[in-house]
Amino acid sequence: MKNLIIMSALLFSLMFSATSFARWTNIIRNHGGTTFYLDVLRIAKNDRYVYFWELIDYLKPTENGVLSHQVFAQGDCKLIKKRTVSFSSYKKPMGAGNGVPYEPKNSKWVKPSPGSAMETMVKSACALAR
């Protein structure tokens, strides 16, 4: 029970901490017009799971006019898979401006393709977790 309370408090602080305290570290540069960053200050590990923020920055706007996404994700460091906890879409690069938040219901675990950007992000978050 004590671990559940501590983990809940940790997740709450990770989800709602201000992006001004982020330290975005470039992980994948210009992969098909998209650059991927991890916030190295907001990575937490609990057993085999890692919780992390990623920033996805697009060279050109998507069809909805989105230039970036900030994603709060859970990664499985043992099985190398990921699920999205929440994300926000931004009309400006690097998560600037007012984001439109979204919290998917019952987000499914996804096993990334070998060598994919998703696999690289999960492995990087696992390697950087303290």
Protein backbone atom coordinates (compact mmCIF):
# COMPACT_ATOMS: atom_id res chain seq x y z
CA MET A 1 0.00 0.00 0.00
CA LYS A 2 2.83 2.38 0.90
CA ASN A 3 4.50 1.73 -2.48
CA LEU A 4 1.21 2.42 -4.27
CA ILE A 5 0.88 5.80 -2.53
CA ILE A 6 4.48 6.74 -3.30
CA MET A 7 4.12 5.67 -6.94
CA SER A 8 0.86 7.60 -7.30
CA ALA A 9 2.50 10.74 -5.92
CA LEU A 10 5.47 10.28 -8.25
CA LEU A 11 3.25 9.83 -11.31
CA PHE A 12 1.16 12.86 -10.37
CA SER A 13 4.27 15.04 -10.06
CA LEU A 14 5.68 13.71 -13.33
CA MET A 15 2.45 14.29 -15.24
CA PHE A 16 1.82 17.82 -14.04
CA SER A 17 5.27 19.31 -13.56
CA ALA A 18 5.85 22.42 -15.65
CA THR A 19 7.57 22.01 -19.00
CA SER A 20 9.75 25.01 -18.17
CA PHE A 21 11.68 22.62 -15.93
CA ALA A 22 12.22 20.17 -18.77
CA ARG A 23 15.64 19.31 -20.07
CA TRP A 24 14.89 18.06 -23.56
CA THR A 25 17.72 15.89 -24.86
CA ASN A 26 17.79 15.07 -28.54
CA ILE A 27 17.62 11.30 -29.04
CA ILE A 28 16.76 11.00 -32.76
CA ARG A 29 17.44 13.89 -35.12
CA ASN A 30 15.38 14.36 -38.29
CA HIS A 31 14.02 10.84 -38.68
CA GLY A 32 11.81 11.30 -41.76
CA GLY A 33 11.21 14.97 -40.89
CA THR A 34 10.61 14.24 -37.19
CA THR A 35 12.94 14.85 -34.24
CA PHE A 36 12.52 13.04 -30.93
CA TYR A 37 13.57 14.30 -27.49
CA LEU A 38 13.48 12.86 -23.96
CA ASP A 39 13.16 14.97 -20.83
CA VAL A 40 16.08 13.62 -18.80
CA LEU A 41 14.89 15.38 -15.63
CA ARG A 42 11.53 13.60 -15.56
CA ILE A 43 12.42 9.93 -16.01
CA ALA A 44 11.42 7.60 -13.19
CA LYS A 45 11.83 3.86 -12.85
CA ASN A 46 9.80 1.41 -10.77
CA ASP A 47 10.98 -2.20 -11.06
CA ARG A 48 11.03 -2.96 -14.77
CA TYR A 49 8.83 -0.01 -15.77
CA VAL A 50 10.04 3.44 -16.71
CA TYR A 51 7.90 6.58 -16.89
CA PHE A 52 9.07 9.34 -19.18
CA TRP A 53 8.20 12.44 -21.19
CA GLU A 54 9.03 12.60 -24.85
CA LEU A 55 8.74 15.52 -27.23
CA ILE A 56 8.05 14.80 -30.88
CA ASP A 57 8.83 17.76 -33.12
CA TYR A 58 7.71 17.77 -36.77
CA LEU A 59 9.52 19.63 -39.55
CA LYS A 60 6.17 20.27 -41.29
CA PRO A 61 2.70 20.54 -39.70
CA THR A 62 0.49 17.46 -39.71
CA GLU A 63 -2.84 17.60 -41.57
CA ASN A 64 -4.34 18.96 -38.31
CA GLY A 65 -1.75 21.75 -38.13
CA VAL A 66 0.19 20.11 -35.27
CA LEU A 67 3.93 20.86 -35.12
CA SER A 68 4.75 18.97 -31.91
CA HIS A 69 3.49 16.50 -29.30
CA GLN A 70 4.49 16.01 -25.68
CA VAL A 71 3.85 12.44 -24.60
CA PHE A 72 3.87 10.97 -21.09
CA ALA A 73 4.57 7.26 -21.52
CA GLN A 74 5.21 4.07 -19.60
CA GLY A 75 7.88 1.74 -20.94
CA ASP A 76 8.58 -1.89 -20.10
CA CYS A 77 12.37 -2.20 -19.90
CA LYS A 78 12.29 -5.99 -19.85
CA LEU A 79 9.99 -6.64 -22.82
CA ILE A 80 10.77 -3.32 -24.60
CA LYS A 81 7.24 -2.08 -25.16
CA LYS A 82 5.40 1.19 -24.56
CA ARG A 83 2.01 2.59 -23.72
CA THR A 84 0.86 6.21 -23.82
CA VAL A 85 -0.51 7.58 -20.55
CA SER A 86 -1.34 11.05 -21.90
CA PHE A 87 -0.22 13.54 -24.51
CA SER A 88 -0.73 17.09 -25.70
CA SER A 89 -0.71 18.44 -29.25
CA TYR A 90 0.83 21.82 -30.08
CA LYS A 91 0.52 24.11 -33.08
CA LYS A 92 4.05 25.42 -32.41
CA PRO A 93 7.41 23.60 -32.43
CA MET A 94 9.00 22.19 -29.27
CA GLY A 95 5.72 22.04 -27.34
CA ALA A 96 5.37 25.83 -27.28
CA GLY A 97 2.06 27.59 -26.80
CA ASN A 98 -1.17 26.13 -25.50
CA GLY A 99 -1.40 22.38 -25.84
CA VAL A 100 -4.53 20.37 -26.43
CA PRO A 101 -4.38 17.50 -23.89
CA TYR A 102 -5.64 13.98 -24.46
CA GLU A 103 -5.75 11.01 -22.10
CA PRO A 104 -6.49 7.75 -23.91
CA LYS A 105 -8.75 5.32 -22.08
CA ASN A 106 -7.24 1.86 -21.57
CA SER A 107 -4.11 2.57 -23.58
CA LYS A 108 -2.72 -0.67 -25.01
CA TRP A 109 0.89 -1.80 -24.81
CA VAL A 110 2.69 -1.59 -28.16
CA LYS A 111 5.72 -3.67 -29.08
CA PRO A 112 7.86 -1.45 -31.35
CA SER A 113 9.48 -2.69 -34.54
CA PRO A 114 13.20 -3.39 -34.22
CA GLY A 115 15.22 -0.28 -35.02
CA SER A 116 12.17 2.00 -34.91
CA ALA A 117 12.05 5.42 -33.27
CA MET A 118 9.69 4.03 -30.61
CA GLU A 119 12.12 1.25 -29.72
CA THR A 120 14.98 3.75 -29.51
CA MET A 121 12.97 6.02 -27.21
CA VAL A 122 11.99 3.20 -24.82
CA LYS A 123 15.54 1.82 -24.70
CA SER A 124 16.95 5.33 -24.16
CA ALA A 125 14.51 6.06 -21.31
CA CYS A 126 15.39 2.72 -19.69
CA ALA A 127 19.11 3.43 -19.99
CA LEU A 128 18.76 6.96 -18.55
CA ALA A 129 16.44 5.98 -15.66
CA ARG A 130 17.89 6.25 -12.19
